[in-house]
Amino acid sequence: MSPRLILSLILLVALGTFALQNTAVLKVSFLFWSFQISQALLIILCGAVGIVLGLLFSLSLKLKKKSHD
């Protein structure tokens, strides 16, 4: 297994553990919206958004590097 995959798995387990330990319901207000959501769900959603943004950033760097070659 590559070190990057091992680190990713460790971070994923840590995120899941952190989310499961924080299950309170929170009121979230953003601009004109206001809603209640489980803190665990919010943590998981934020983690998922971070993963997607990281993958998109990585992909854009690879495409730029490939176009320069």
C-alpha atoms as a PDB file:
ATOM      1  CA  MET A   1       0.000   0.000   0.000  1.00  0.00           C
ATOM      2  CA  SER A   2       1.206   3.482  -0.776  1.00  0.00           C
ATOM      3  CA  PRO A   3       1.861   5.938   2.053  1.00  0.00           C
ATOM      4  CA  ARG A   4      -0.682   8.350   0.542  1.00  0.00           C
ATOM      5  CA  LEU A   5      -3.432   5.697   0.674  1.00  0.00           C
ATOM      6  CA  ILE A   6      -2.559   4.755   4.250  1.00  0.00           C
ATOM      7  CA  LEU A   7      -2.642   8.407   5.329  1.00  0.00           C
ATOM      8  CA  SER A   8      -5.975   8.916   3.558  1.00  0.00           C
ATOM      9  CA  LEU A   9      -7.478   5.903   5.311  1.00  0.00           C
ATOM     10  CA  ILE A  10      -6.218   7.081   8.704  1.00  0.00           C
ATOM     11  CA  LEU A  11      -7.702  10.538   8.133  1.00  0.00           C
ATOM     12  CA  LEU A  12     -11.000   9.019   6.986  1.00  0.00           C
ATOM     13  CA  VAL A  13     -11.232   6.858  10.120  1.00  0.00           C
ATOM     14  CA  ALA A  14     -10.353   9.873  12.303  1.00  0.00           C
ATOM     15  CA  LEU A  15     -13.059  11.952  10.595  1.00  0.00           C
ATOM     16  CA  GLY A  16     -15.632   9.196  11.082  1.00  0.00           C
ATOM     17  CA  THR A  17     -14.707   8.745  14.737  1.00  0.00           C
ATOM     18  CA  PHE A  18     -14.863  12.486  15.350  1.00  0.00           C
ATOM     19  CA  ALA A  19     -18.259  12.709  13.652  1.00  0.00           C
ATOM     20  CA  LEU A  20     -19.712   9.824  15.658  1.00  0.00           C
ATOM     21  CA  GLN A  21     -18.606  11.427  18.926  1.00  0.00           C
ATOM     22  CA  ASN A  22     -20.363  14.713  18.073  1.00  0.00           C
ATOM     23  CA  THR A  23     -24.023  13.861  17.496  1.00  0.00           C
ATOM     24  CA  ALA A  24     -25.740  16.973  18.896  1.00  0.00           C
ATOM     25  CA  VAL A  25     -28.207  18.885  16.729  1.00  0.00           C
ATOM     26  CA  LEU A  26     -26.981  22.306  15.607  1.00  0.00           C
ATOM     27  CA  LYS A  27     -28.774  25.312  14.192  1.00  0.00           C
ATOM     28  CA  VAL A  28     -26.940  26.467  11.073  1.00  0.00           C
ATOM     29  CA  SER A  29     -27.551  29.935   9.616  1.00  0.00           C
ATOM     30  CA  PHE A  30     -26.085  30.957   6.284  1.00  0.00           C
ATOM     31  CA  LEU A  31     -27.150  34.133   4.504  1.00  0.00           C
ATOM     32  CA  PHE A  32     -30.954  33.767   4.181  1.00  0.00           C
ATOM     33  CA  TRP A  33     -31.144  30.107   5.194  1.00  0.00           C
ATOM     34  CA  SER A  34     -31.454  28.645   8.640  1.00  0.00           C
ATOM     35  CA  PHE A  35     -31.831  24.947   9.426  1.00  0.00           C
ATOM     36  CA  GLN A  36     -31.051  22.309  12.014  1.00  0.00           C
ATOM     37  CA  ILE A  37     -28.683  19.464  11.250  1.00  0.00           C
ATOM     38  CA  SER A  38     -26.856  16.777  13.169  1.00  0.00           C
ATOM     39  CA  GLN A  39     -23.318  17.830  14.005  1.00  0.00           C
ATOM     40  CA  ALA A  40     -22.056  14.432  12.811  1.00  0.00           C
ATOM     41  CA  LEU A  41     -23.743  14.903   9.427  1.00  0.00           C
ATOM     42  CA  LEU A  42     -22.324  18.405   9.130  1.00  0.00           C
ATOM     43  CA  ILE A  43     -18.805  17.144   9.875  1.00  0.00           C
ATOM     44  CA  ILE A  44     -19.144  14.370   7.285  1.00  0.00           C
ATOM     45  CA  LEU A  45     -20.532  16.782   4.667  1.00  0.00           C
ATOM     46  CA  CYS A  46     -17.695  19.255   5.258  1.00  0.00           C
ATOM     47  CA  GLY A  47     -15.173  16.427   4.996  1.00  0.00           C
ATOM     48  CA  ALA A  48     -16.755  15.236   1.740  1.00  0.00           C
ATOM     49  CA  VAL A  49     -16.658  18.762   0.290  1.00  0.00           C
ATOM     50  CA  GLY A  50     -12.991  19.015   1.266  1.00  0.00           C
ATOM     51  CA  ILE A  51     -12.205  15.709  -0.423  1.00  0.00           C
ATOM     52  CA  VAL A  52     -14.002  16.735  -3.621  1.00  0.00           C
ATOM     53  CA  LEU A  53     -12.250  20.117  -3.701  1.00  0.00           C
ATOM     54  CA  GLY A  54      -8.888  18.447  -3.116  1.00  0.00           C
ATOM     55  CA  LEU A  55      -9.500  15.992  -5.937  1.00  0.00           C
ATOM     56  CA  LEU A  56     -10.582  18.773  -8.310  1.00  0.00           C
ATOM     57  CA  PHE A  57      -7.502  20.833  -7.420  1.00  0.00           C
ATOM     58  CA  SER A  58      -5.239  17.823  -7.919  1.00  0.00           C
ATOM     59  CA  LEU A  59      -6.879  17.051 -11.258  1.00  0.00           C
ATOM     60  CA  SER A  60      -6.465  20.632 -12.453  1.00  0.00           C
ATOM     61  CA  LEU A  61      -2.760  20.573 -11.552  1.00  0.00           C
ATOM     62  CA  LYS A  62      -2.279  17.289 -13.429  1.00  0.00           C
ATOM     63  CA  LEU A  63      -4.071  18.674 -16.494  1.00  0.00           C
ATOM     64  CA  LYS A  64      -1.942  21.846 -16.452  1.00  0.00           C
ATOM     65  CA  LYS A  65       1.239  19.807 -16.125  1.00  0.00           C
ATOM     66  CA  LYS A  66       0.149  17.503 -18.945  1.00  0.00           C
ATOM     67  CA  SER A  67      -0.698  20.412 -21.261  1.00  0.00           C
ATOM     68  CA  HIS A  68       2.766  21.956 -20.714  1.00  0.00           C
ATOM     69  CA  ASP A  69       4.542  18.724 -21.686  1.00  0.00           C
END
